[in-house]
Amino acid sequence: MSTAAKSALVFGIYLVALGVTLLTVPNVLLTLFAYPTTSEVWIRVAGMVIAILGYYYIEAARNELTSFFKASVRARPAVIVVFIAFVALGLAKPIVILFGAIDLLGAIWTGLALRSGQGA
């Protein structure tokens, strides 16, 4: 498995774990990050989408889908930009930037692997 694929696999596992947590026990995560608990279904819907996205990353890694890795490197930095905007606008607590940072670091790892020729 290439280094780029390994980075996608690790990120996919992270997303599946995050998604399953939000889908099954969202208030545990919300409490951990000092957000109010909720009984709304939307947090679970988000969890489902995140888990499915994680599955896509895992499958892309297993199949060495370099085009997917390249697309993720271009798209994933948007997460931190949007999360910083949410914080700046008072829509979210600064802790959400941590999730954007994880995305950015993962994109950098994948990008460096692709650049060094370890992506295919």
N, C-alpha and C. Protein backbone atom coordinates (compact mmCIF):
# COMPACT_ATOMS: atom_id res chain seq x y z
N MET A 1 0.86 -1.17 0.00
CA MET A 1 0.00 0.00 0.00
C MET A 1 0.91 1.23 0.00
N SER A 2 0.62 2.17 -0.89
CA SER A 2 1.42 3.38 -0.98
C SER A 2 1.22 4.25 0.27
N THR A 3 2.13 5.19 0.46
CA THR A 3 2.01 6.10 1.59
C THR A 3 0.75 6.96 1.47
N ALA A 4 0.44 7.39 0.26
CA ALA A 4 -0.79 8.17 0.06
C ALA A 4 -2.02 7.35 0.43
N ALA A 5 -2.01 6.09 0.04
CA ALA A 5 -3.13 5.21 0.38
C ALA A 5 -3.21 5.00 1.89
N LYS A 6 -2.07 4.85 2.54
CA LYS A 6 -2.07 4.70 4.00
C LYS A 6 -2.66 5.94 4.67
N SER A 7 -2.32 7.12 4.15
CA SER A 7 -2.87 8.34 4.74
C SER A 7 -4.38 8.39 4.57
N ALA A 8 -4.87 7.96 3.41
CA ALA A 8 -6.32 7.91 3.18
C ALA A 8 -6.98 6.87 4.06
N LEU A 9 -6.32 5.74 4.25
CA LEU A 9 -6.86 4.69 5.11
C LEU A 9 -6.99 5.18 6.55
N VAL A 10 -5.95 5.81 7.06
CA VAL A 10 -5.99 6.33 8.43
C VAL A 10 -7.10 7.37 8.56
N PHE A 11 -7.20 8.27 7.59
CA PHE A 11 -8.24 9.29 7.64
C PHE A 11 -9.62 8.66 7.55
N GLY A 12 -9.76 7.64 6.72
CA GLY A 12 -11.04 6.95 6.60
C GLY A 12 -11.45 6.29 7.90
N ILE A 13 -10.50 5.66 8.58
CA ILE A 13 -10.80 5.03 9.86
C ILE A 13 -11.23 6.08 10.88
N TYR A 14 -10.52 7.22 10.89
CA TYR A 14 -10.90 8.33 11.77
C TYR A 14 -12.33 8.78 11.47
N LEU A 15 -12.65 8.95 10.20
CA LEU A 15 -14.01 9.40 9.84
C LEU A 15 -15.07 8.38 10.23
N VAL A 16 -14.80 7.11 10.01
CA VAL A 16 -15.78 6.09 10.40
C VAL A 16 -15.99 6.12 11.91
N ALA A 17 -14.91 6.21 12.67
CA ALA A 17 -15.03 6.26 14.14
C ALA A 17 -15.81 7.49 14.58
N LEU A 18 -15.49 8.64 14.01
CA LEU A 18 -16.22 9.87 14.34
C LEU A 18 -17.69 9.75 13.94
N GLY A 19 -17.93 9.26 12.75
CA GLY A 19 -19.30 9.13 12.26
C GLY A 19 -20.13 8.17 13.09
N VAL A 20 -19.56 7.02 13.42
CA VAL A 20 -20.29 6.04 14.23
C VAL A 20 -20.58 6.62 15.62
N THR A 21 -19.63 7.37 16.17
CA THR A 21 -19.85 8.01 17.47
C THR A 21 -21.02 9.00 17.39
N LEU A 22 -21.02 9.83 16.35
CA LEU A 22 -22.11 10.80 16.20
C LEU A 22 -23.44 10.11 15.91
N LEU A 23 -23.39 9.01 15.22
CA LEU A 23 -24.60 8.27 14.88
C LEU A 23 -25.20 7.56 16.09
N THR A 24 -24.35 7.03 16.94
CA THR A 24 -24.84 6.19 18.04
C THR A 24 -24.89 6.88 19.40
N VAL A 25 -23.87 7.66 19.73
CA VAL A 25 -23.81 8.33 21.04
C VAL A 25 -23.33 9.78 20.87
N PRO A 26 -24.08 10.58 20.14
CA PRO A 26 -23.60 11.93 19.83
C PRO A 26 -23.34 12.79 21.05
N ASN A 27 -24.14 12.60 22.10
CA ASN A 27 -23.99 13.47 23.26
C ASN A 27 -22.68 13.23 24.02
N VAL A 28 -22.10 12.06 23.88
CA VAL A 28 -20.79 11.81 24.48
C VAL A 28 -19.76 12.76 23.87
N LEU A 29 -19.75 12.83 22.55
CA LEU A 29 -18.81 13.71 21.86
C LEU A 29 -19.13 15.18 22.11
N LEU A 30 -20.40 15.52 22.06
CA LEU A 30 -20.80 16.91 22.30
C LEU A 30 -20.38 17.37 23.69
N THR A 31 -20.59 16.54 24.68
CA THR A 31 -20.21 16.87 26.05
C THR A 31 -18.69 17.01 26.17
N LEU A 32 -17.96 16.12 25.53
CA LEU A 32 -16.51 16.15 25.57
C LEU A 32 -15.97 17.47 25.04
N PHE A 33 -16.64 18.04 24.06
CA PHE A 33 -16.20 19.29 23.46
C PHE A 33 -17.01 20.50 23.94
N ALA A 34 -17.68 20.34 25.07
CA ALA A 34 -18.40 21.42 25.74
C ALA A 34 -19.52 22.04 24.89
N TYR A 35 -20.18 21.19 24.13
CA TYR A 35 -21.36 21.62 23.39
C TYR A 35 -22.59 21.09 24.11
N PRO A 36 -23.71 21.79 24.00
CA PRO A 36 -24.92 21.30 24.65
C PRO A 36 -25.37 19.98 24.01
N THR A 37 -25.91 19.11 24.83
CA THR A 37 -26.43 17.85 24.31
C THR A 37 -27.68 18.13 23.49
N THR A 38 -28.05 17.15 22.69
CA THR A 38 -29.20 17.33 21.81
C THR A 38 -29.96 16.03 21.63
N SER A 39 -31.21 16.16 21.31
CA SER A 39 -32.00 14.99 20.93
C SER A 39 -32.44 15.12 19.47
N GLU A 40 -31.93 16.16 18.81
CA GLU A 40 -32.23 16.36 17.38
C GLU A 40 -31.61 15.24 16.56
N VAL A 41 -32.26 14.88 15.48
CA VAL A 41 -31.78 13.80 14.63
C VAL A 41 -30.60 14.25 13.75
N TRP A 42 -30.43 15.55 13.53
CA TRP A 42 -29.46 16.04 12.56
C TRP A 42 -28.02 15.65 12.89
N ILE A 43 -27.69 15.59 14.15
CA ILE A 43 -26.33 15.19 14.52
C ILE A 43 -26.08 13.74 14.11
N ARG A 44 -27.10 12.92 14.22
CA ARG A 44 -26.98 11.51 13.80
C ARG A 44 -26.92 11.40 12.27
N VAL A 45 -27.67 12.25 11.58
CA VAL A 45 -27.60 12.28 10.11
C VAL A 45 -26.18 12.66 9.69
N ALA A 46 -25.62 13.68 10.33
CA ALA A 46 -24.25 14.07 10.03
C ALA A 46 -23.29 12.92 10.30
N GLY A 47 -23.51 12.20 11.39
CA GLY A 47 -22.68 11.05 11.71
C GLY A 47 -22.73 9.99 10.62
N MET A 48 -23.92 9.74 10.11
CA MET A 48 -24.07 8.75 9.04
C MET A 48 -23.29 9.19 7.80
N VAL A 49 -23.42 10.45 7.44
CA VAL A 49 -22.72 10.96 6.26
C VAL A 49 -21.21 10.88 6.46
N ILE A 50 -20.74 11.24 7.64
CA ILE A 50 -19.31 11.19 7.93
C ILE A 50 -18.80 9.76 7.87
N ALA A 51 -19.54 8.81 8.44
CA ALA A 51 -19.13 7.40 8.40
C ALA A 51 -19.08 6.89 6.97
N ILE A 52 -20.04 7.24 6.15
CA ILE A 52 -20.05 6.81 4.76
C ILE A 52 -18.86 7.44 4.01
N LEU A 53 -18.58 8.69 4.27
CA LEU A 53 -17.41 9.34 3.67
C LEU A 53 -16.13 8.60 4.08
N GLY A 54 -16.07 8.19 5.33
CA GLY A 54 -14.93 7.42 5.79
C GLY A 54 -14.79 6.11 5.03
N TYR A 55 -15.91 5.47 4.78
CA TYR A 55 -15.90 4.23 3.99
C TYR A 55 -15.32 4.49 2.60
N TYR A 56 -15.69 5.62 1.99
CA TYR A 56 -15.14 5.95 0.67
C TYR A 56 -13.62 6.09 0.74
N TYR A 57 -13.13 6.74 1.78
CA TYR A 57 -11.68 6.88 1.94
C TYR A 57 -11.01 5.52 2.09
N ILE A 58 -11.60 4.64 2.86
CA ILE A 58 -11.03 3.32 3.07
C ILE A 58 -11.00 2.54 1.75
N GLU A 59 -12.09 2.59 1.02
CA GLU A 59 -12.13 1.89 -0.27
C GLU A 59 -11.15 2.50 -1.27
N ALA A 60 -11.03 3.80 -1.29
CA ALA A 60 -10.06 4.46 -2.17
C ALA A 60 -8.65 4.01 -1.82
N ALA A 61 -8.37 3.90 -0.53
CA ALA A 61 -7.05 3.45 -0.10
C ALA A 61 -6.80 2.01 -0.52
N ARG A 62 -7.77 1.16 -0.30
CA ARG A 62 -7.62 -0.26 -0.64
C ARG A 62 -7.40 -0.46 -2.14
N ASN A 63 -7.93 0.45 -2.94
CA ASN A 63 -7.85 0.33 -4.39
C ASN A 63 -6.85 1.29 -5.03
N GLU A 64 -6.04 1.95 -4.19
CA GLU A 64 -4.99 2.86 -4.68
C GLU A 64 -5.55 3.89 -5.69
N LEU A 65 -6.64 4.53 -5.35
CA LEU A 65 -7.28 5.48 -6.26
C LEU A 65 -6.60 6.84 -6.17
N THR A 66 -5.51 6.98 -6.88
CA THR A 66 -4.70 8.20 -6.83
C THR A 66 -5.52 9.43 -7.19
N SER A 67 -6.43 9.33 -8.13
CA SER A 67 -7.25 10.49 -8.49
C SER A 67 -8.09 10.95 -7.29
N PHE A 68 -8.57 10.01 -6.50
CA PHE A 68 -9.32 10.36 -5.29
C PHE A 68 -8.40 11.06 -4.30
N PHE A 69 -7.18 10.55 -4.11
CA PHE A 69 -6.24 11.16 -3.18
C PHE A 69 -5.96 12.61 -3.60
N LYS A 70 -5.74 12.82 -4.90
CA LYS A 70 -5.46 14.17 -5.40
C LYS A 70 -6.66 15.10 -5.17
N ALA A 71 -7.85 14.59 -5.43
CA ALA A 71 -9.05 15.41 -5.20
C ALA A 71 -9.20 15.76 -3.74
N SER A 72 -8.88 14.82 -2.85
CA SER A 72 -9.01 15.09 -1.42
C SER A 72 -8.01 16.13 -0.97
N VAL A 73 -6.81 16.12 -1.55
CA VAL A 73 -5.79 17.12 -1.20
C VAL A 73 -6.27 18.51 -1.59
N ARG A 74 -6.96 18.62 -2.70
CA ARG A 74 -7.48 19.93 -3.13
C ARG A 74 -8.68 20.38 -2.29
N ALA A 75 -9.53 19.44 -1.88
CA ALA A 75 -10.79 19.80 -1.22
C ALA A 75 -10.69 19.95 0.30
N ARG A 76 -9.90 19.12 0.95
CA ARG A 76 -9.92 19.05 2.40
C ARG A 76 -9.46 20.32 3.11
N PRO A 77 -8.56 21.13 2.54
CA PRO A 77 -8.22 22.38 3.24
C PRO A 77 -9.41 23.33 3.42
N ALA A 78 -10.44 23.16 2.62
CA ALA A 78 -11.63 24.02 2.76
C ALA A 78 -12.28 23.82 4.13
N VAL A 79 -12.13 22.66 4.72
CA VAL A 79 -12.77 22.38 6.01
C VAL A 79 -12.28 23.36 7.06
N ILE A 80 -10.97 23.54 7.18
CA ILE A 80 -10.46 24.43 8.21
C ILE A 80 -10.86 25.88 7.92
N VAL A 81 -10.88 26.25 6.65
CA VAL A 81 -11.29 27.62 6.29
C VAL A 81 -12.73 27.87 6.72
N VAL A 82 -13.61 26.94 6.41
CA VAL A 82 -15.03 27.09 6.78
C VAL A 82 -15.20 27.07 8.29
N PHE A 83 -14.49 26.17 8.98
CA PHE A 83 -14.62 26.10 10.43
C PHE A 83 -14.10 27.37 11.10
N ILE A 84 -13.02 27.93 10.59
CA ILE A 84 -12.53 29.22 11.12
C ILE A 84 -13.57 30.30 10.89
N ALA A 85 -14.20 30.29 9.73
CA ALA A 85 -15.26 31.27 9.45
C ALA A 85 -16.42 31.09 10.42
N PHE A 86 -16.81 29.85 10.71
CA PHE A 86 -17.88 29.59 11.68
C PHE A 86 -17.53 30.20 13.03
N VAL A 87 -16.29 30.02 13.46
CA VAL A 87 -15.86 30.57 14.75
C VAL A 87 -15.86 32.09 14.70
N ALA A 88 -15.32 32.65 13.63
CA ALA A 88 -15.25 34.11 13.49
C ALA A 88 -16.64 34.75 13.48
N LEU A 89 -17.60 34.04 12.92
CA LEU A 89 -18.97 34.54 12.86
C LEU A 89 -19.77 34.24 14.13
N GLY A 90 -19.14 33.58 15.07
CA GLY A 90 -19.82 33.25 16.32
C GLY A 90 -20.79 32.09 16.20
N LEU A 91 -20.66 31.30 15.16
CA LEU A 91 -21.57 30.18 14.95
C LEU A 91 -21.08 28.89 15.61
N ALA A 92 -19.81 28.85 15.99
CA ALA A 92 -19.24 27.64 16.58
C ALA A 92 -18.17 28.04 17.58
N LYS A 93 -17.89 27.12 18.49
CA LYS A 93 -16.81 27.32 19.46
C LYS A 93 -15.47 27.02 18.79
N PRO A 94 -14.41 27.65 19.27
CA PRO A 94 -13.09 27.45 18.65
C PRO A 94 -12.63 25.99 18.57
N ILE A 95 -13.15 25.12 19.41
CA ILE A 95 -12.72 23.72 19.39
C ILE A 95 -12.99 23.06 18.04
N VAL A 96 -13.95 23.56 17.26
CA VAL A 96 -14.22 22.94 15.96
C VAL A 96 -13.03 23.09 15.01
N ILE A 97 -12.19 24.07 15.27
CA ILE A 97 -11.00 24.25 14.43
C ILE A 97 -10.10 23.02 14.53
N LEU A 98 -10.15 22.32 15.66
CA LEU A 98 -9.38 21.08 15.81
C LEU A 98 -9.75 20.07 14.72
N PHE A 99 -11.03 19.94 14.45
CA PHE A 99 -11.46 19.00 13.41
C PHE A 99 -10.97 19.45 12.03
N GLY A 100 -10.98 20.76 11.79
CA GLY A 100 -10.43 21.27 10.54
C GLY A 100 -8.94 21.05 10.44
N ALA A 101 -8.24 21.17 11.58
CA ALA A 101 -6.80 20.94 11.59
C ALA A 101 -6.47 19.49 11.27
N ILE A 102 -7.29 18.57 11.77
CA ILE A 102 -7.08 17.15 11.46
C ILE A 102 -7.23 16.93 9.96
N ASP A 103 -8.24 17.55 9.36
CA ASP A 103 -8.41 17.44 7.90
C ASP A 103 -7.21 18.01 7.17
N LEU A 104 -6.77 19.19 7.59
CA LEU A 104 -5.64 19.84 6.92
C LEU A 104 -4.37 19.01 7.04
N LEU A 105 -4.09 18.51 8.23
CA LEU A 105 -2.89 17.68 8.41
C LEU A 105 -2.96 16.41 7.57
N GLY A 106 -4.13 15.81 7.50
CA GLY A 106 -4.29 14.64 6.65
C GLY A 106 -4.07 14.96 5.18
N ALA A 107 -4.59 16.10 4.74
CA ALA A 107 -4.39 16.51 3.35
C ALA A 107 -2.92 16.77 3.06
N ILE A 108 -2.23 17.38 4.01
CA ILE A 108 -0.79 17.63 3.83
C ILE A 108 -0.04 16.31 3.73
N TRP A 109 -0.36 15.36 4.61
CA TRP A 109 0.29 14.04 4.57
C TRP A 109 0.07 13.39 3.21
N THR A 110 -1.16 13.38 2.75
CA THR A 110 -1.46 12.77 1.45
C THR A 110 -0.74 13.52 0.33
N GLY A 111 -0.79 14.84 0.37
CA GLY A 111 -0.14 15.64 -0.66
C GLY A 111 1.36 15.41 -0.72
N LEU A 112 2.02 15.35 0.43
CA LEU A 112 3.45 15.09 0.47
C LEU A 112 3.77 13.71 -0.08
N ALA A 113 2.93 12.73 0.24
CA ALA A 113 3.14 11.38 -0.26
C ALA A 113 3.00 11.35 -1.79
N LEU A 114 2.02 12.05 -2.30
CA LEU A 114 1.82 12.10 -3.75
C LEU A 114 3.00 12.80 -4.42
N ARG A 115 3.44 13.89 -3.84
CA ARG A 115 4.53 14.68 -4.42
C ARG A 115 5.84 13.88 -4.45
N SER A 116 6.06 13.06 -3.41
CA SER A 116 7.31 12.31 -3.33
C SER A 116 7.28 11.05 -4.19
N GLY A 117 6.17 10.83 -4.87
CA GLY A 117 6.07 9.66 -5.73
C GLY A 117 5.62 8.42 -4.98
N GLN A 118 5.19 8.57 -3.75
CA GLN A 118 4.73 7.43 -2.97
C GLN A 118 3.22 7.28 -3.04
N GLY A 119 2.59 7.97 -3.96
CA GLY A 119 1.14 7.95 -4.04
C GLY A 119 0.58 6.96 -5.02
N ALA A 120 1.43 6.34 -5.77
CA ALA A 120 0.90 5.40 -6.76
C ALA A 120 1.70 4.13 -6.77
